[in-house]
Amino acid sequence: MQAFSWFLTIKLSLFSAWQFLSLVRNRTLHLKFDRIGTAYNIKDRGSYQILRESINYLELDEEPVVLIVAFRMKFLGNSSFLHRLFLSLSILTTPVWSGFPGFHTKLWMVDPKTNNYLGAYQWYGEENAKVYQGFLLRLLNTLAVTNSISIDRHPKTDLEDFLKSCSQSSLSSPSTLLV
């Protein structure tokens, strides 16, 4: 899949931000905290630890799709300060993606050994997941290290079922997220 144009990316961002306001007003968008610090061996990617979970409780009738997005940020290098800052400020991006049609869940994950990042998403509707993928590719092609981006789409898969197929790893302390 090709990345979208900047014009379309900005247009989709503004649409998402507008929808975000509705999600907040209707109280369907929430942060969950019960899995923070849980680590999973994500298929062929290594061990990633959950640092944040965002969920939209609005149910849709379309088939679930899991989207796994892995990358390494270009401008952070090996600076632990910059990685902590990125992790702290990344919540400010929520309006940019949470209002996309079909969004249900996003797990923000990090490999504390490599500082590689992973987003594990559940979308409703294959086409909705594809639109978000094209949007995200445009952003990551600018912000991520060249050749560090990988995206896998798992149609007709629920995120909970996907996570069950990934073994929990030995990482256990949420404090290791920001080391």
C-alpha atoms as a PDB file:
ATOM      1  CA  MET A   1       0.000   0.000   0.000  1.00  0.00           C
ATOM      2  CA  GLN A   2       1.223   3.458  -0.890  1.00  0.00           C
ATOM      3  CA  ALA A   3       1.343   6.414   1.465  1.00  0.00           C
ATOM      4  CA  PHE A   4      -1.273   9.099   0.934  1.00  0.00           C
ATOM      5  CA  SER A   5      -0.496  12.593  -0.315  1.00  0.00           C
ATOM      6  CA  TRP A   6       0.164  15.292   2.268  1.00  0.00           C
ATOM      7  CA  PHE A   7      -3.050  17.041   1.255  1.00  0.00           C
ATOM      8  CA  LEU A   8      -5.137  13.934   1.971  1.00  0.00           C
ATOM      9  CA  THR A   9      -3.184  13.241   5.178  1.00  0.00           C
ATOM     10  CA  ILE A  10      -3.930  16.722   6.529  1.00  0.00           C
ATOM     11  CA  LYS A  11      -7.575  16.464   5.469  1.00  0.00           C
ATOM     12  CA  LEU A  12      -7.938  13.105   7.273  1.00  0.00           C
ATOM     13  CA  SER A  13      -6.202  14.524  10.377  1.00  0.00           C
ATOM     14  CA  LEU A  14      -8.659  17.400  10.550  1.00  0.00           C
ATOM     15  CA  PHE A  15     -11.613  15.047  10.061  1.00  0.00           C
ATOM     16  CA  SER A  16     -10.298  12.790  12.827  1.00  0.00           C
ATOM     17  CA  ALA A  17      -9.813  15.739  15.193  1.00  0.00           C
ATOM     18  CA  TRP A  18     -13.406  16.828  14.550  1.00  0.00           C
ATOM     19  CA  GLN A  19     -14.678  13.293  15.259  1.00  0.00           C
ATOM     20  CA  PHE A  20     -12.462  13.130  18.366  1.00  0.00           C
ATOM     21  CA  LEU A  21     -14.497  15.971  19.856  1.00  0.00           C
ATOM     22  CA  SER A  22     -17.651  13.920  19.364  1.00  0.00           C
ATOM     23  CA  LEU A  23     -16.042  10.849  20.965  1.00  0.00           C
ATOM     24  CA  VAL A  24     -15.066  12.915  24.000  1.00  0.00           C
ATOM     25  CA  ARG A  25     -18.455  14.609  24.199  1.00  0.00           C
ATOM     26  CA  ASN A  26     -20.230  11.223  24.017  1.00  0.00           C
ATOM     27  CA  ARG A  27     -17.744   9.674  26.454  1.00  0.00           C
ATOM     28  CA  THR A  28     -16.965   6.689  24.242  1.00  0.00           C
ATOM     29  CA  LEU A  29     -13.174   7.244  24.092  1.00  0.00           C
ATOM     30  CA  HIS A  30     -11.239   6.108  27.168  1.00  0.00           C
ATOM     31  CA  LEU A  31      -7.804   5.230  28.459  1.00  0.00           C
ATOM     32  CA  LYS A  32      -7.531   1.806  30.088  1.00  0.00           C
ATOM     33  CA  PHE A  33      -4.880   1.061  32.672  1.00  0.00           C
ATOM     34  CA  ASP A  34      -5.265  -2.614  33.586  1.00  0.00           C
ATOM     35  CA  ARG A  35      -2.724  -3.892  31.014  1.00  0.00           C
ATOM     36  CA  ILE A  36      -0.047  -1.222  31.429  1.00  0.00           C
ATOM     37  CA  GLY A  37       3.328  -2.945  31.697  1.00  0.00           C
ATOM     38  CA  THR A  38       2.148  -6.243  30.213  1.00  0.00           C
ATOM     39  CA  ALA A  39       4.605  -7.467  27.600  1.00  0.00           C
ATOM     40  CA  TYR A  40       3.911  -9.682  24.605  1.00  0.00           C
ATOM     41  CA  ASN A  41       6.145 -11.445  22.131  1.00  0.00           C
ATOM     42  CA  ILE A  42       4.655  -9.966  19.002  1.00  0.00           C
ATOM     43  CA  LYS A  43       5.114 -12.393  16.144  1.00  0.00           C
ATOM     44  CA  ASP A  44       8.551 -11.949  14.535  1.00  0.00           C
ATOM     45  CA  ARG A  45       9.014  -8.526  16.160  1.00  0.00           C
ATOM     46  CA  GLY A  46      10.292  -9.195  19.677  1.00  0.00           C
ATOM     47  CA  SER A  47       8.959  -8.352  23.106  1.00  0.00           C
ATOM     48  CA  TYR A  48       6.891  -5.183  23.427  1.00  0.00           C
ATOM     49  CA  GLN A  49       5.430  -3.722  26.580  1.00  0.00           C
ATOM     50  CA  ILE A  50       2.109  -1.867  26.746  1.00  0.00           C
ATOM     51  CA  LEU A  51       2.505   1.709  27.906  1.00  0.00           C
ATOM     52  CA  ARG A  52      -0.946   3.034  27.049  1.00  0.00           C
ATOM     53  CA  GLU A  53      -4.280   1.704  25.847  1.00  0.00           C
ATOM     54  CA  SER A  54      -6.907   3.839  24.148  1.00  0.00           C
ATOM     55  CA  ILE A  55     -10.315   2.394  23.396  1.00  0.00           C
ATOM     56  CA  ASN A  56     -13.465   3.600  21.689  1.00  0.00           C
ATOM     57  CA  TYR A  57     -16.427   1.786  23.226  1.00  0.00           C
ATOM     58  CA  LEU A  58     -18.668   2.532  20.259  1.00  0.00           C
ATOM     59  CA  GLU A  59     -19.512  -0.849  18.704  1.00  0.00           C
ATOM     60  CA  LEU A  60     -19.701  -1.275  14.941  1.00  0.00           C
ATOM     61  CA  ASP A  61     -21.200  -4.038  12.809  1.00  0.00           C
ATOM     62  CA  GLU A  62     -18.176  -4.542  10.557  1.00  0.00           C
ATOM     63  CA  GLU A  63     -15.598  -7.341  10.817  1.00  0.00           C
ATOM     64  CA  PRO A  64     -12.657  -6.674  13.175  1.00  0.00           C
ATOM     65  CA  VAL A  65      -9.211  -6.111  11.676  1.00  0.00           C
ATOM     66  CA  VAL A  66      -5.938  -6.081  13.610  1.00  0.00           C
ATOM     67  CA  LEU A  67      -3.269  -3.702  12.389  1.00  0.00           C
ATOM     68  CA  ILE A  68       0.294  -4.106  13.717  1.00  0.00           C
ATOM     69  CA  VAL A  69       2.592  -1.156  13.049  1.00  0.00           C
ATOM     70  CA  ALA A  70       6.256  -1.313  14.093  1.00  0.00           C
ATOM     71  CA  PHE A  71       8.833   1.466  13.661  1.00  0.00           C
ATOM     72  CA  ARG A  72      11.802   3.275  15.132  1.00  0.00           C
ATOM     73  CA  MET A  73      11.635   7.052  15.512  1.00  0.00           C
ATOM     74  CA  LYS A  74      14.199   8.922  13.426  1.00  0.00           C
ATOM     75  CA  PHE A  75      14.959  11.921  15.612  1.00  0.00           C
ATOM     76  CA  LEU A  76      15.211  10.290  19.041  1.00  0.00           C
ATOM     77  CA  GLY A  77      18.437   8.323  18.609  1.00  0.00           C
ATOM     78  CA  ASN A  78      19.539   6.550  21.776  1.00  0.00           C
ATOM     79  CA  SER A  79      18.678   9.421  24.115  1.00  0.00           C
ATOM     80  CA  SER A  80      16.657   8.075  27.036  1.00  0.00           C
ATOM     81  CA  PHE A  81      15.474  11.622  27.769  1.00  0.00           C
ATOM     82  CA  LEU A  82      14.070  12.063  24.248  1.00  0.00           C
ATOM     83  CA  HIS A  83      12.362   8.655  24.365  1.00  0.00           C
ATOM     84  CA  ARG A  84      10.761   9.480  27.728  1.00  0.00           C
ATOM     85  CA  LEU A  85       9.647  12.830  26.325  1.00  0.00           C
ATOM     86  CA  PHE A  86       8.173  11.161  23.221  1.00  0.00           C
ATOM     87  CA  LEU A  87       6.307   8.605  25.343  1.00  0.00           C
ATOM     88  CA  SER A  88       4.919  11.328  27.583  1.00  0.00           C
ATOM     89  CA  LEU A  89       3.838  13.635  24.768  1.00  0.00           C
ATOM     90  CA  SER A  90       2.540  10.980  22.368  1.00  0.00           C
ATOM     91  CA  ILE A  91      -0.900  11.129  23.981  1.00  0.00           C
ATOM     92  CA  LEU A  92      -1.269  14.566  22.384  1.00  0.00           C
ATOM     93  CA  THR A  93      -1.592  12.826  19.000  1.00  0.00           C
ATOM     94  CA  THR A  94      -4.859  11.137  20.035  1.00  0.00           C
ATOM     95  CA  PRO A  95      -7.147  13.563  18.135  1.00  0.00           C
ATOM     96  CA  VAL A  96      -5.167  12.905  14.942  1.00  0.00           C
ATOM     97  CA  TRP A  97      -6.046   9.167  14.763  1.00  0.00           C
ATOM     98  CA  SER A  98      -8.857   8.299  17.199  1.00  0.00           C
ATOM     99  CA  GLY A  99     -11.602   9.865  15.097  1.00  0.00           C
ATOM    100  CA  PHE A 100     -10.954   7.706  12.040  1.00  0.00           C
ATOM    101  CA  PRO A 101     -13.976   5.619  11.058  1.00  0.00           C
ATOM    102  CA  GLY A 102     -13.752   2.119  12.468  1.00  0.00           C
ATOM    103  CA  PHE A 103     -11.202   2.843  15.212  1.00  0.00           C
ATOM    104  CA  HIS A 104     -11.734   0.654  18.265  1.00  0.00           C
ATOM    105  CA  THR A 105      -8.484   0.059  20.195  1.00  0.00           C
ATOM    106  CA  LYS A 106      -4.869   1.162  20.152  1.00  0.00           C
ATOM    107  CA  LEU A 107      -2.157  -0.370  22.299  1.00  0.00           C
ATOM    108  CA  TRP A 108       0.899   1.858  22.482  1.00  0.00           C
ATOM    109  CA  MET A 109       3.842  -0.489  22.920  1.00  0.00           C
ATOM    110  CA  VAL A 110       7.626  -0.201  23.216  1.00  0.00           C
ATOM    111  CA  ASP A 111      10.543  -2.594  23.276  1.00  0.00           C
ATOM    112  CA  PRO A 112      12.470  -1.170  26.247  1.00  0.00           C
ATOM    113  CA  LYS A 113      15.715  -2.788  25.073  1.00  0.00           C
ATOM    114  CA  THR A 114      15.714  -1.253  21.583  1.00  0.00           C
ATOM    115  CA  ASN A 115      13.320   1.701  21.949  1.00  0.00           C
ATOM    116  CA  ASN A 116      11.426   0.442  18.908  1.00  0.00           C
ATOM    117  CA  TYR A 117       7.731   1.258  18.969  1.00  0.00           C
ATOM    118  CA  LEU A 118       4.690  -0.764  18.018  1.00  0.00           C
ATOM    119  CA  GLY A 119       1.038   0.097  17.675  1.00  0.00           C
ATOM    120  CA  ALA A 120      -1.403  -2.781  17.942  1.00  0.00           C
ATOM    121  CA  TYR A 121      -4.805  -1.634  16.702  1.00  0.00           C
ATOM    122  CA  GLN A 122      -8.240  -3.060  16.300  1.00  0.00           C
ATOM    123  CA  TRP A 123     -10.352  -1.546  13.565  1.00  0.00           C
ATOM    124  CA  TYR A 124     -13.824  -2.402  12.380  1.00  0.00           C
ATOM    125  CA  GLY A 125     -13.908  -2.794   8.615  1.00  0.00           C
ATOM    126  CA  GLU A 126     -11.068  -3.769   6.283  1.00  0.00           C
ATOM    127  CA  GLU A 127     -11.430  -0.582   4.237  1.00  0.00           C
ATOM    128  CA  ASN A 128     -11.256   1.565   7.404  1.00  0.00           C
ATOM    129  CA  ALA A 129      -8.004  -0.153   8.401  1.00  0.00           C
ATOM    130  CA  LYS A 130      -6.587   0.367   4.893  1.00  0.00           C
ATOM    131  CA  VAL A 131      -7.403   4.093   4.972  1.00  0.00           C
ATOM    132  CA  TYR A 132      -5.665   4.495   8.325  1.00  0.00           C
ATOM    133  CA  GLN A 133      -2.696   2.489   7.058  1.00  0.00           C
ATOM    134  CA  GLY A 134      -2.236   4.831   4.070  1.00  0.00           C
ATOM    135  CA  PHE A 135      -2.522   7.842   6.383  1.00  0.00           C
ATOM    136  CA  LEU A 136      -0.026   6.434   8.885  1.00  0.00           C
ATOM    137  CA  LEU A 137       2.479   5.484   6.188  1.00  0.00           C
ATOM    138  CA  ARG A 138       2.663   9.134   5.096  1.00  0.00           C
ATOM    139  CA  LEU A 139       3.537  10.214   8.640  1.00  0.00           C
ATOM    140  CA  LEU A 140       5.953   7.384   9.377  1.00  0.00           C
ATOM    141  CA  ASN A 141       7.813   7.818   6.092  1.00  0.00           C
ATOM    142  CA  THR A 142       8.781  11.236   7.458  1.00  0.00           C
ATOM    143  CA  LEU A 143       9.245  10.474  11.166  1.00  0.00           C
ATOM    144  CA  ALA A 144      10.623   6.919  11.281  1.00  0.00           C
ATOM    145  CA  VAL A 145      14.013   5.479  10.423  1.00  0.00           C
ATOM    146  CA  THR A 146      14.168   4.312   6.830  1.00  0.00           C
ATOM    147  CA  ASN A 147      13.417   0.588   6.535  1.00  0.00           C
ATOM    148  CA  SER A 148      12.208   0.361  10.150  1.00  0.00           C
ATOM    149  CA  ILE A 149       8.504   0.553   9.265  1.00  0.00           C
ATOM    150  CA  SER A 150       6.505  -2.629   9.002  1.00  0.00           C
ATOM    151  CA  ILE A 151       2.746  -2.949   8.886  1.00  0.00           C
ATOM    152  CA  ASP A 152       0.736  -6.162   9.025  1.00  0.00           C
ATOM    153  CA  ARG A 153      -3.017  -6.330   8.619  1.00  0.00           C
ATOM    154  CA  HIS A 154      -4.939  -9.314  10.008  1.00  0.00           C
ATOM    155  CA  PRO A 155      -8.501  -9.307   8.611  1.00  0.00           C
ATOM    156  CA  LYS A 156     -11.328 -10.953  10.538  1.00  0.00           C
ATOM    157  CA  THR A 157      -9.171 -10.989  13.668  1.00  0.00           C
ATOM    158  CA  ASP A 158     -10.055  -9.564  17.060  1.00  0.00           C
ATOM    159  CA  LEU A 159      -7.217  -7.863  18.979  1.00  0.00           C
ATOM    160  CA  GLU A 160      -7.845  -9.999  22.067  1.00  0.00           C
ATOM    161  CA  ASP A 161      -7.552 -13.178  19.991  1.00  0.00           C
ATOM    162  CA  PHE A 162      -4.385 -11.845  18.358  1.00  0.00           C
ATOM    163  CA  LEU A 163      -2.821 -11.124  21.763  1.00  0.00           C
ATOM    164  CA  LYS A 164      -3.739 -14.603  23.015  1.00  0.00           C
ATOM    165  CA  SER A 165      -1.762 -16.014  20.094  1.00  0.00           C
ATOM    166  CA  CYS A 166       1.267 -13.984  21.245  1.00  0.00           C
ATOM    167  CA  SER A 167       2.916 -15.281  24.374  1.00  0.00           C
ATOM    168  CA  GLN A 168       3.349 -12.939  27.277  1.00  0.00           C
ATOM    169  CA  SER A 169       7.046 -12.296  27.771  1.00  0.00           C
ATOM    170  CA  SER A 170       9.186 -12.010  30.850  1.00  0.00           C
ATOM    171  CA  LEU A 171       9.199  -8.204  30.889  1.00  0.00           C
ATOM    172  CA  SER A 172       6.973  -7.290  33.775  1.00  0.00           C
ATOM    173  CA  SER A 173       7.670  -3.933  35.321  1.00  0.00           C
ATOM    174  CA  PRO A 174       6.041  -0.829  33.820  1.00  0.00           C
ATOM    175  CA  SER A 175       9.020   1.137  35.142  1.00  0.00           C
ATOM    176  CA  THR A 176      11.211  -0.457  32.481  1.00  0.00           C
ATOM    177  CA  LEU A 177       9.227   1.454  29.873  1.00  0.00           C
ATOM    178  CA  LEU A 178      10.991   4.716  30.558  1.00  0.00           C
ATOM    179  CA  VAL A 179      14.525   3.559  31.354  1.00  0.00           C
END
